[in-house]
N, C-alpha and C. Protein backbone atom coordinates (compact mmCIF):
# COMPACT_ATOMS: atom_id res chain seq x y z
N MET A 1 -12.60 60.85 4.29
CA MET A 1 -13.08 60.40 5.51
C MET A 1 -12.89 58.95 5.81
N GLY A 2 -12.67 58.58 7.12
CA GLY A 2 -12.32 57.36 7.71
C GLY A 2 -13.45 56.54 7.78
N GLU A 3 -13.33 55.02 7.85
CA GLU A 3 -14.35 54.10 8.14
C GLU A 3 -14.81 54.44 9.51
N GLN A 4 -16.02 53.95 9.80
CA GLN A 4 -16.64 54.22 11.25
C GLN A 4 -16.33 52.76 11.62
N HIS A 5 -16.00 52.77 12.87
CA HIS A 5 -15.52 51.67 13.57
C HIS A 5 -16.93 51.00 14.30
N ASP A 6 -17.15 50.01 14.01
CA ASP A 6 -18.46 49.23 14.82
C ASP A 6 -18.17 48.48 15.90
N PRO A 7 -18.36 48.75 17.02
CA PRO A 7 -17.98 48.05 18.24
C PRO A 7 -18.84 46.78 18.24
N ASP A 8 -20.03 46.65 17.71
CA ASP A 8 -20.82 45.31 17.82
C ASP A 8 -20.53 44.49 16.72
N ARG A 9 -19.50 44.53 15.71
CA ARG A 9 -19.11 43.70 14.78
C ARG A 9 -18.65 42.33 15.06
N ARG A 10 -17.84 42.38 16.33
CA ARG A 10 -17.52 41.10 16.74
C ARG A 10 -18.61 40.07 17.05
N SER A 11 -19.79 40.76 17.96
CA SER A 11 -20.68 39.99 18.26
C SER A 11 -21.68 39.56 17.37
N ARG A 12 -21.63 40.24 15.93
CA ARG A 12 -22.38 39.71 15.06
C ARG A 12 -21.92 38.69 14.06
N ARG A 13 -20.52 38.48 14.53
CA ARG A 13 -20.02 37.43 13.50
C ARG A 13 -20.92 35.93 13.83
N ARG A 14 -20.95 35.33 12.99
CA ARG A 14 -21.58 33.79 13.27
C ARG A 14 -20.54 33.11 13.90
N LYS A 15 -20.99 32.14 14.57
CA LYS A 15 -20.03 31.03 15.08
C LYS A 15 -19.82 29.99 14.02
N PRO A 16 -18.64 29.50 14.24
CA PRO A 16 -18.67 28.50 13.29
C PRO A 16 -19.41 27.30 13.38
N VAL A 17 -20.08 26.63 12.42
CA VAL A 17 -20.80 25.66 12.55
C VAL A 17 -19.91 24.28 12.71
N GLU A 18 -20.43 23.77 13.87
CA GLU A 18 -19.79 22.55 14.16
C GLU A 18 -19.77 21.31 13.06
N GLN A 19 -18.66 20.95 12.41
CA GLN A 19 -19.01 19.96 11.30
C GLN A 19 -19.07 18.42 11.80
N THR A 20 -19.56 17.87 11.12
CA THR A 20 -20.02 16.10 11.79
C THR A 20 -18.65 15.47 11.22
N PRO A 21 -18.40 14.31 11.85
CA PRO A 21 -17.17 13.70 11.41
C PRO A 21 -17.00 13.32 9.86
N VAL A 22 -18.14 13.07 9.08
CA VAL A 22 -18.08 13.01 7.69
C VAL A 22 -17.80 14.15 6.99
N GLN A 23 -18.24 15.23 7.37
CA GLN A 23 -17.66 16.68 6.79
C GLN A 23 -16.30 16.95 6.97
N ARG A 24 -15.86 16.60 8.24
CA ARG A 24 -14.57 16.78 8.44
C ARG A 24 -13.45 15.90 7.57
N ALA A 25 -13.78 14.63 7.62
CA ALA A 25 -13.19 13.79 6.50
C ALA A 25 -13.26 14.15 5.36
N LEU A 26 -14.43 14.58 4.86
CA LEU A 26 -14.53 14.97 3.23
C LEU A 26 -13.81 16.16 3.15
N GLY A 27 -13.47 16.98 3.85
CA GLY A 27 -12.84 18.27 3.96
C GLY A 27 -11.25 17.82 3.81
N LEU A 28 -10.71 16.80 4.50
CA LEU A 28 -9.29 16.52 4.22
C LEU A 28 -9.33 15.68 2.75
N LEU A 29 -10.59 14.93 2.55
CA LEU A 29 -10.10 14.18 1.31
C LEU A 29 -10.23 15.19 0.15
N THR A 30 -10.75 16.53 0.03
CA THR A 30 -10.68 17.38 -0.98
C THR A 30 -9.23 17.96 -1.19
N ARG A 31 -8.63 17.97 -0.04
CA ARG A 31 -7.00 18.59 -0.44
C ARG A 31 -6.28 17.69 -1.06
N ARG A 32 -6.16 16.37 -0.53
CA ARG A 32 -5.55 15.36 -1.36
C ARG A 32 -5.98 13.72 -0.80
N GLU A 33 -5.56 12.82 -1.38
CA GLU A 33 -6.06 11.44 -1.13
C GLU A 33 -5.53 10.98 0.24
N HIS A 34 -5.96 10.05 0.97
CA HIS A 34 -5.56 9.86 2.32
C HIS A 34 -6.10 8.16 2.44
N SER A 35 -5.05 7.62 3.17
CA SER A 35 -5.44 6.10 3.34
C SER A 35 -6.30 6.16 4.47
N ARG A 36 -7.09 4.94 4.66
CA ARG A 36 -7.99 4.89 5.67
C ARG A 36 -7.59 5.04 7.00
N LYS A 37 -6.09 4.67 7.11
CA LYS A 37 -5.54 4.54 8.49
C LYS A 37 -5.05 6.20 8.75
N GLU A 38 -4.59 6.87 7.78
CA GLU A 38 -4.25 8.05 7.71
C GLU A 38 -5.49 9.06 8.23
N LEU A 39 -6.72 8.81 7.48
CA LEU A 39 -7.64 9.70 7.68
C LEU A 39 -8.56 9.29 9.15
N SER A 40 -8.42 8.23 9.61
CA SER A 40 -8.85 7.88 10.83
C SER A 40 -7.93 8.40 11.96
N ARG A 41 -6.48 8.35 11.72
CA ARG A 41 -5.81 9.02 12.71
C ARG A 41 -5.97 10.49 12.78
N LYS A 42 -6.19 11.23 11.68
CA LYS A 42 -6.41 12.74 11.56
C LYS A 42 -7.74 12.84 12.22
N LEU A 43 -8.65 12.19 12.03
CA LEU A 43 -10.08 12.53 12.52
C LEU A 43 -10.07 12.31 13.97
N SER A 44 -9.09 11.36 14.31
CA SER A 44 -8.99 11.15 15.84
C SER A 44 -8.20 12.28 16.63
N ALA A 45 -7.08 12.77 15.88
CA ALA A 45 -6.24 13.94 16.54
C ALA A 45 -7.23 15.15 16.55
N ARG A 46 -8.46 15.19 16.11
CA ARG A 46 -9.27 16.46 15.83
C ARG A 46 -10.28 16.32 16.89
N GLY A 47 -10.32 15.14 17.71
CA GLY A 47 -11.21 14.79 18.88
C GLY A 47 -12.26 14.03 18.53
N VAL A 48 -12.42 13.65 17.24
CA VAL A 48 -13.75 12.74 17.00
C VAL A 48 -13.71 11.31 17.77
N GLU A 49 -14.72 11.05 18.09
CA GLU A 49 -14.96 9.74 18.77
C GLU A 49 -14.61 8.57 17.97
N PRO A 50 -13.87 7.56 18.65
CA PRO A 50 -13.67 6.35 17.55
C PRO A 50 -14.68 5.64 16.71
N ALA A 51 -15.73 5.50 17.55
CA ALA A 51 -16.92 4.95 16.68
C ALA A 51 -17.45 5.83 15.46
N ASP A 52 -17.44 7.09 15.90
CA ASP A 52 -17.73 8.02 14.64
C ASP A 52 -16.72 8.11 13.41
N VAL A 53 -15.31 8.23 13.86
CA VAL A 53 -14.34 7.89 12.90
C VAL A 53 -14.47 6.44 12.12
N ARG A 54 -14.67 5.65 12.80
CA ARG A 54 -14.94 4.32 11.78
C ARG A 54 -16.29 4.56 11.15
N SER A 55 -17.03 5.07 11.52
CA SER A 55 -18.48 5.23 10.73
C SER A 55 -18.15 6.16 9.62
N ALA A 56 -17.51 7.21 9.82
CA ALA A 56 -17.45 8.48 8.79
C ALA A 56 -16.26 7.66 7.69
N VAL A 57 -15.23 6.88 8.16
CA VAL A 57 -14.45 6.44 7.14
C VAL A 57 -15.01 5.16 6.46
N GLU A 58 -15.98 4.35 6.93
CA GLU A 58 -16.64 3.52 6.25
C GLU A 58 -17.57 4.04 5.24
N ARG A 59 -18.26 4.98 5.74
CA ARG A 59 -19.52 5.63 4.85
C ARG A 59 -18.57 6.34 3.58
N LEU A 60 -17.49 6.98 3.87
CA LEU A 60 -16.71 7.95 2.70
C LEU A 60 -16.32 6.72 1.91
N ALA A 61 -15.68 5.60 2.26
CA ALA A 61 -14.95 4.62 1.47
C ALA A 61 -16.26 3.71 0.75
N GLY A 62 -17.40 3.62 1.19
CA GLY A 62 -18.56 2.89 0.54
C GLY A 62 -18.92 3.61 -0.47
N GLU A 63 -19.07 5.06 -0.43
CA GLU A 63 -19.50 6.05 -1.39
C GLU A 63 -18.51 6.37 -2.29
N GLY A 64 -17.15 6.01 -2.23
CA GLY A 64 -16.04 6.23 -3.26
C GLY A 64 -15.40 7.39 -2.98
N TRP A 65 -15.61 8.23 -1.97
CA TRP A 65 -14.64 9.22 -1.82
C TRP A 65 -13.41 9.06 -1.13
N GLN A 66 -13.37 7.92 -0.33
CA GLN A 66 -11.95 7.42 -0.01
C GLN A 66 -11.64 6.29 -0.62
N SER A 67 -10.18 5.98 -1.09
CA SER A 67 -9.88 4.72 -1.66
C SER A 67 -8.57 4.52 -1.57
N ASP A 68 -8.32 3.35 -0.73
CA ASP A 68 -6.97 2.99 -0.54
C ASP A 68 -6.23 2.70 -1.69
N GLN A 69 -6.79 2.15 -2.59
CA GLN A 69 -6.10 1.64 -4.10
C GLN A 69 -5.93 3.05 -4.62
N ARG A 70 -6.60 4.03 -4.81
CA ARG A 70 -6.35 5.42 -5.37
C ARG A 70 -5.30 6.21 -4.47
N PHE A 71 -5.18 6.05 -3.32
CA PHE A 71 -4.28 6.64 -2.43
C PHE A 71 -2.96 5.85 -2.92
N ALA A 72 -3.08 4.77 -2.78
CA ALA A 72 -1.72 4.19 -3.03
C ALA A 72 -1.11 4.41 -4.37
N GLU A 73 -1.91 4.66 -5.45
CA GLU A 73 -1.51 4.71 -6.83
C GLU A 73 -0.93 6.20 -6.92
N PHE A 74 -1.76 7.04 -6.12
CA PHE A 74 -1.08 8.52 -5.98
C PHE A 74 0.29 8.53 -5.50
N LEU A 75 0.44 7.85 -4.27
CA LEU A 75 1.64 7.82 -3.57
C LEU A 75 2.52 7.63 -4.40
N VAL A 76 2.41 6.27 -5.11
CA VAL A 76 3.48 5.75 -5.96
C VAL A 76 3.86 6.67 -7.00
N ARG A 77 2.93 7.32 -7.91
CA ARG A 77 3.21 8.38 -8.81
C ARG A 77 3.90 9.42 -8.12
N SER A 78 3.67 9.99 -7.04
CA SER A 78 4.43 11.07 -6.29
C SER A 78 5.82 10.94 -5.96
N ARG A 79 5.92 9.64 -5.31
CA ARG A 79 7.29 9.28 -4.90
C ARG A 79 7.95 8.99 -6.14
N VAL A 80 7.61 8.15 -7.05
CA VAL A 80 8.45 8.25 -8.36
C VAL A 80 8.96 9.34 -8.79
N SER A 81 8.01 10.30 -9.01
CA SER A 81 8.71 11.63 -9.53
C SER A 81 9.58 12.37 -8.74
N GLY A 82 9.45 11.89 -7.50
CA GLY A 82 10.33 12.55 -6.45
C GLY A 82 11.81 11.91 -6.41
N GLY A 83 12.05 10.83 -7.11
CA GLY A 83 13.14 10.16 -7.25
C GLY A 83 13.41 8.98 -6.38
N TYR A 84 12.37 8.43 -5.72
CA TYR A 84 12.34 7.20 -5.06
C TYR A 84 12.09 5.85 -5.60
N GLY A 85 12.72 4.93 -5.00
CA GLY A 85 12.64 3.66 -5.65
C GLY A 85 11.61 2.71 -4.84
N PRO A 86 11.70 1.57 -5.38
CA PRO A 86 10.47 0.49 -5.10
C PRO A 86 10.26 0.26 -3.48
N LEU A 87 11.68 0.10 -3.16
CA LEU A 87 11.92 -0.39 -1.65
C LEU A 87 11.27 0.61 -0.77
N ARG A 88 11.70 1.63 -0.96
CA ARG A 88 11.41 2.92 -0.09
C ARG A 88 9.94 3.14 -0.34
N ILE A 89 9.13 3.23 -1.38
CA ILE A 89 7.81 3.32 -1.64
C ILE A 89 6.98 2.34 -1.18
N ARG A 90 7.44 1.09 -1.12
CA ARG A 90 6.94 -0.04 -0.52
C ARG A 90 6.77 -0.09 0.93
N ALA A 91 7.78 0.31 1.78
CA ALA A 91 7.82 0.69 3.10
C ALA A 91 6.89 1.72 3.54
N GLU A 92 6.94 2.81 2.73
CA GLU A 92 6.01 3.70 3.03
C GLU A 92 4.62 3.27 2.86
N LEU A 93 4.28 2.74 2.03
CA LEU A 93 2.87 2.50 1.56
C LEU A 93 2.56 1.40 2.97
N ALA A 94 3.35 0.67 3.41
CA ALA A 94 3.03 -0.17 4.36
C ALA A 94 2.84 0.52 5.66
N THR A 95 3.32 1.73 6.01
CA THR A 95 3.10 2.68 7.01
C THR A 95 1.53 2.98 7.10
N HIS A 96 0.96 2.92 6.03
CA HIS A 96 -0.10 3.70 5.88
C HIS A 96 -1.24 2.70 5.89
N GLY A 97 -1.18 1.33 6.33
CA GLY A 97 -1.89 0.40 6.88
C GLY A 97 -2.39 -0.38 5.56
N LEU A 98 -1.52 -0.37 4.41
CA LEU A 98 -1.89 -1.11 3.24
C LEU A 98 -1.50 -2.63 3.27
N GLY A 99 -2.29 -3.39 2.91
CA GLY A 99 -1.89 -4.84 2.94
C GLY A 99 -0.89 -5.04 1.70
N ARG A 100 -0.17 -6.29 1.67
CA ARG A 100 0.57 -6.66 0.79
C ARG A 100 0.02 -6.58 -0.66
N GLU A 101 -0.86 -7.21 -0.86
CA GLU A 101 -1.68 -7.12 -2.21
C GLU A 101 -1.89 -5.96 -2.57
N GLU A 102 -2.25 -4.86 -1.64
CA GLU A 102 -2.55 -3.50 -2.21
C GLU A 102 -1.24 -2.93 -2.58
N VAL A 103 -0.33 -3.00 -1.83
CA VAL A 103 1.05 -2.59 -2.16
C VAL A 103 1.82 -3.07 -3.35
N THR A 104 1.50 -4.32 -3.54
CA THR A 104 2.08 -4.84 -4.89
C THR A 104 1.11 -4.57 -6.06
N ALA A 105 -0.09 -4.28 -6.05
CA ALA A 105 -0.87 -3.86 -7.06
C ALA A 105 -0.54 -2.34 -7.40
N ALA A 106 -0.39 -1.43 -6.44
CA ALA A 106 0.09 -0.02 -6.33
C ALA A 106 1.28 0.01 -7.38
N LEU A 107 2.40 -0.75 -6.91
CA LEU A 107 3.63 -0.54 -7.43
C LEU A 107 3.66 -1.13 -8.94
N ALA A 108 2.61 -1.98 -9.01
CA ALA A 108 2.44 -2.51 -10.35
C ALA A 108 1.92 -1.42 -11.59
N THR A 109 1.25 -0.41 -10.89
CA THR A 109 0.79 0.56 -11.76
C THR A 109 2.10 1.58 -12.40
N PHE A 110 3.30 1.31 -11.57
CA PHE A 110 4.34 2.21 -12.23
C PHE A 110 4.84 1.38 -13.61
N ASP A 111 4.51 2.19 -14.88
CA ASP A 111 4.76 1.52 -16.17
C ASP A 111 6.19 1.75 -16.66
N GLY A 112 7.05 2.29 -15.79
CA GLY A 112 8.60 2.55 -16.10
C GLY A 112 9.26 1.27 -15.88
N ASP A 113 10.69 1.71 -16.03
CA ASP A 113 11.70 0.60 -15.57
C ASP A 113 12.44 1.18 -14.32
N TRP A 114 12.56 0.72 -13.12
CA TRP A 114 13.23 1.09 -12.13
C TRP A 114 14.59 1.32 -12.28
N THR A 115 15.36 0.37 -12.97
CA THR A 115 16.75 0.62 -13.37
C THR A 115 16.95 2.06 -14.05
N GLU A 116 16.25 2.11 -15.31
CA GLU A 116 16.31 3.39 -15.79
C GLU A 116 15.81 4.51 -15.02
N THR A 117 15.12 4.51 -14.24
CA THR A 117 14.71 5.43 -13.30
C THR A 117 15.90 5.91 -12.41
N ALA A 118 16.46 4.84 -11.83
CA ALA A 118 17.61 5.03 -11.05
C ALA A 118 18.84 5.68 -11.79
N CYS A 119 19.10 5.26 -13.11
CA CYS A 119 20.14 5.77 -13.85
C CYS A 119 19.77 7.29 -14.22
N ASP A 120 18.44 7.81 -14.51
CA ASP A 120 18.28 8.98 -14.75
C ASP A 120 18.33 9.88 -13.65
N LEU A 121 18.10 9.35 -12.70
CA LEU A 121 18.31 10.19 -11.15
C LEU A 121 19.89 10.35 -10.94
N VAL A 122 20.67 9.53 -11.15
CA VAL A 122 22.08 9.53 -11.32
C VAL A 122 22.51 10.72 -12.20
N ARG A 123 22.08 10.68 -13.54
CA ARG A 123 22.44 11.44 -14.42
C ARG A 123 22.22 13.15 -13.77
N ARG A 124 20.83 13.27 -13.45
CA ARG A 124 20.49 14.68 -13.15
C ARG A 124 21.41 15.02 -11.68
N ARG A 125 21.43 14.05 -10.62
CA ARG A 125 22.30 14.52 -9.49
C ARG A 125 23.73 14.41 -9.62
N PHE A 126 24.47 13.65 -10.45
CA PHE A 126 25.84 13.61 -10.32
C PHE A 126 26.63 13.85 -11.64
N GLY A 127 25.88 13.91 -12.73
CA GLY A 127 26.42 14.18 -14.20
C GLY A 127 27.48 13.05 -14.29
N PRO A 128 28.37 13.08 -15.43
CA PRO A 128 29.22 11.95 -15.65
C PRO A 128 30.25 11.76 -14.59
N VAL A 129 30.70 10.18 -14.26
CA VAL A 129 31.44 9.94 -12.99
C VAL A 129 32.67 9.09 -13.84
N GLY A 130 33.96 9.39 -13.51
CA GLY A 130 35.08 8.97 -13.98
C GLY A 130 35.28 7.55 -13.64
N PRO A 131 35.59 6.51 -14.42
CA PRO A 131 35.72 5.17 -14.33
C PRO A 131 36.54 4.66 -13.08
N GLY A 132 37.47 5.62 -12.82
CA GLY A 132 38.30 5.29 -11.68
C GLY A 132 37.90 5.83 -10.44
N ASP A 133 37.00 6.62 -10.35
CA ASP A 133 36.66 7.41 -9.36
C ASP A 133 35.54 6.49 -8.39
N MET A 134 36.18 5.58 -7.52
CA MET A 134 35.59 4.82 -6.79
C MET A 134 34.81 5.43 -5.53
N ALA A 135 35.25 6.65 -4.98
CA ALA A 135 34.45 7.32 -4.04
C ALA A 135 33.35 7.77 -4.64
N GLN A 136 33.43 8.41 -5.74
CA GLN A 136 32.04 8.87 -6.17
C GLN A 136 31.19 7.85 -6.47
N ARG A 137 31.11 6.54 -6.98
CA ARG A 137 30.65 5.66 -7.45
C ARG A 137 29.99 4.93 -5.97
N ARG A 138 30.82 4.88 -4.94
CA ARG A 138 30.33 4.56 -3.96
C ARG A 138 29.30 5.49 -3.36
N LYS A 139 29.45 6.82 -3.53
CA LYS A 139 28.59 7.95 -3.09
C LYS A 139 27.19 7.60 -3.75
N ILE A 140 27.24 7.45 -5.01
CA ILE A 140 26.19 7.34 -6.22
C ILE A 140 25.30 5.99 -5.48
N ALA A 141 26.19 4.86 -5.09
CA ALA A 141 25.49 3.83 -4.51
C ALA A 141 24.79 4.06 -3.16
N ASP A 142 25.26 4.73 -2.31
CA ASP A 142 24.74 5.19 -1.02
C ASP A 142 23.55 5.93 -1.21
N PHE A 143 23.52 6.84 -2.08
CA PHE A 143 22.50 7.57 -2.39
C PHE A 143 21.15 6.78 -3.10
N LEU A 144 21.55 5.89 -3.84
CA LEU A 144 20.45 5.06 -4.55
C LEU A 144 19.83 4.23 -3.45
N VAL A 145 20.94 3.43 -2.53
CA VAL A 145 20.07 2.80 -1.52
C VAL A 145 19.14 3.55 -0.64
N ARG A 146 19.59 4.77 -0.20
CA ARG A 146 18.71 5.43 0.69
C ARG A 146 17.50 5.96 -0.23
N ARG A 147 17.61 6.08 -1.17
CA ARG A 147 16.30 6.27 -1.88
C ARG A 147 15.44 5.11 -2.45
N GLY A 148 15.82 3.84 -1.94
CA GLY A 148 14.95 2.95 -1.94
C GLY A 148 14.94 1.89 -3.19
N PHE A 149 16.20 2.09 -4.08
CA PHE A 149 16.38 1.12 -5.16
C PHE A 149 17.10 -0.10 -4.74
N ASP A 150 16.78 -1.14 -5.59
CA ASP A 150 17.37 -2.51 -5.23
C ASP A 150 18.75 -2.64 -5.73
N ALA A 151 19.46 -3.66 -5.44
CA ALA A 151 20.98 -3.69 -5.66
C ALA A 151 21.04 -3.80 -7.05
N ALA A 152 20.21 -4.56 -7.77
CA ALA A 152 20.36 -4.50 -9.41
C ALA A 152 20.46 -3.24 -10.06
N ALA A 153 19.56 -2.32 -9.61
CA ALA A 153 19.20 -0.89 -10.12
C ALA A 153 20.64 -0.30 -9.80
N VAL A 154 21.04 -0.32 -8.61
CA VAL A 154 22.01 0.40 -7.81
C VAL A 154 23.48 0.07 -8.67
N GLN A 155 23.62 -1.38 -8.79
CA GLN A 155 24.38 -1.63 -9.64
C GLN A 155 24.78 -1.19 -11.13
N ALA A 156 23.64 -1.08 -11.67
CA ALA A 156 23.58 -0.57 -13.16
C ALA A 156 23.52 0.58 -13.16
N ALA A 157 22.99 1.49 -12.19
CA ALA A 157 23.29 2.92 -12.48
C ALA A 157 24.82 3.50 -11.99
N SER A 158 25.56 2.68 -11.26
CA SER A 158 26.97 3.24 -10.86
C SER A 158 27.62 2.70 -12.10
N ARG A 159 27.34 1.67 -12.64
CA ARG A 159 28.18 1.19 -13.89
C ARG A 159 27.83 2.28 -14.98
N MET A 160 26.54 2.50 -15.12
CA MET A 160 26.25 3.36 -16.34
C MET A 160 26.86 4.91 -16.24
N ALA A 161 26.96 5.31 -14.85
CA ALA A 161 27.78 6.38 -14.58
C ALA A 161 29.17 6.50 -15.15
N ALA A 162 29.94 5.53 -14.96
CA ALA A 162 31.15 5.24 -15.41
C ALA A 162 31.31 5.03 -16.96
N ASP A 163 30.38 4.36 -17.50
CA ASP A 163 30.20 4.12 -18.97
C ASP A 163 30.08 5.39 -19.62
N ASP A 164 29.06 6.25 -19.14
CA ASP A 164 28.91 7.38 -19.65
C ASP A 164 30.16 8.34 -20.06
N TRP A 165 31.00 8.47 -19.00
CA TRP A 165 32.16 9.07 -18.63
C TRP A 165 33.10 8.51 -19.97
N ASP A 166 33.10 7.15 -20.02
CA ASP A 166 34.00 6.46 -21.05
C ASP A 166 33.50 7.04 -22.50
N GLY A 167 32.30 7.24 -22.69
CA GLY A 167 31.61 7.76 -23.99
C GLY A 167 32.02 9.12 -24.11
N MET A 168 32.14 9.96 -23.12
CA MET A 168 32.32 11.39 -23.44
C MET A 168 33.92 11.49 -23.59
N ALA A 169 34.78 10.67 -23.26
CA ALA A 169 36.31 10.74 -23.42
C ALA A 169 36.66 10.87 -24.97
């Protein structure tokens, strides 16, 4: 036997309860960390009044639910594991409204070596490169620059790629 269809079922559904700006912001923060700027932008996009946005973000920051420092450290870990260098990460942190001191402090939480990170990335991405293969070394350098590594790391990783090949010969 089939289920009976209840025509009044739709009318019995409860209307969603309108969330306060703080509840909306907290919902965003439970998914992942957000900077103050990003959280404010998202609340504004959802139709929250500017005064309510400021109030909600201030309250959540004051209570420890939102932290630009925690957000910045999360972003650094995330981007480093994605193969990005300090220049790119610094620029991205700045777009989130973080000050120079906050950005510097967040980058300081990375306890690795940027040059070694670049070298590991090259090994994974390109494998060994022949010493005379300037086109491949240029390709490596361009890749690392786009990823946000500084000149010293780019040079060391390019040289390492050729040295690795020499060691294999």
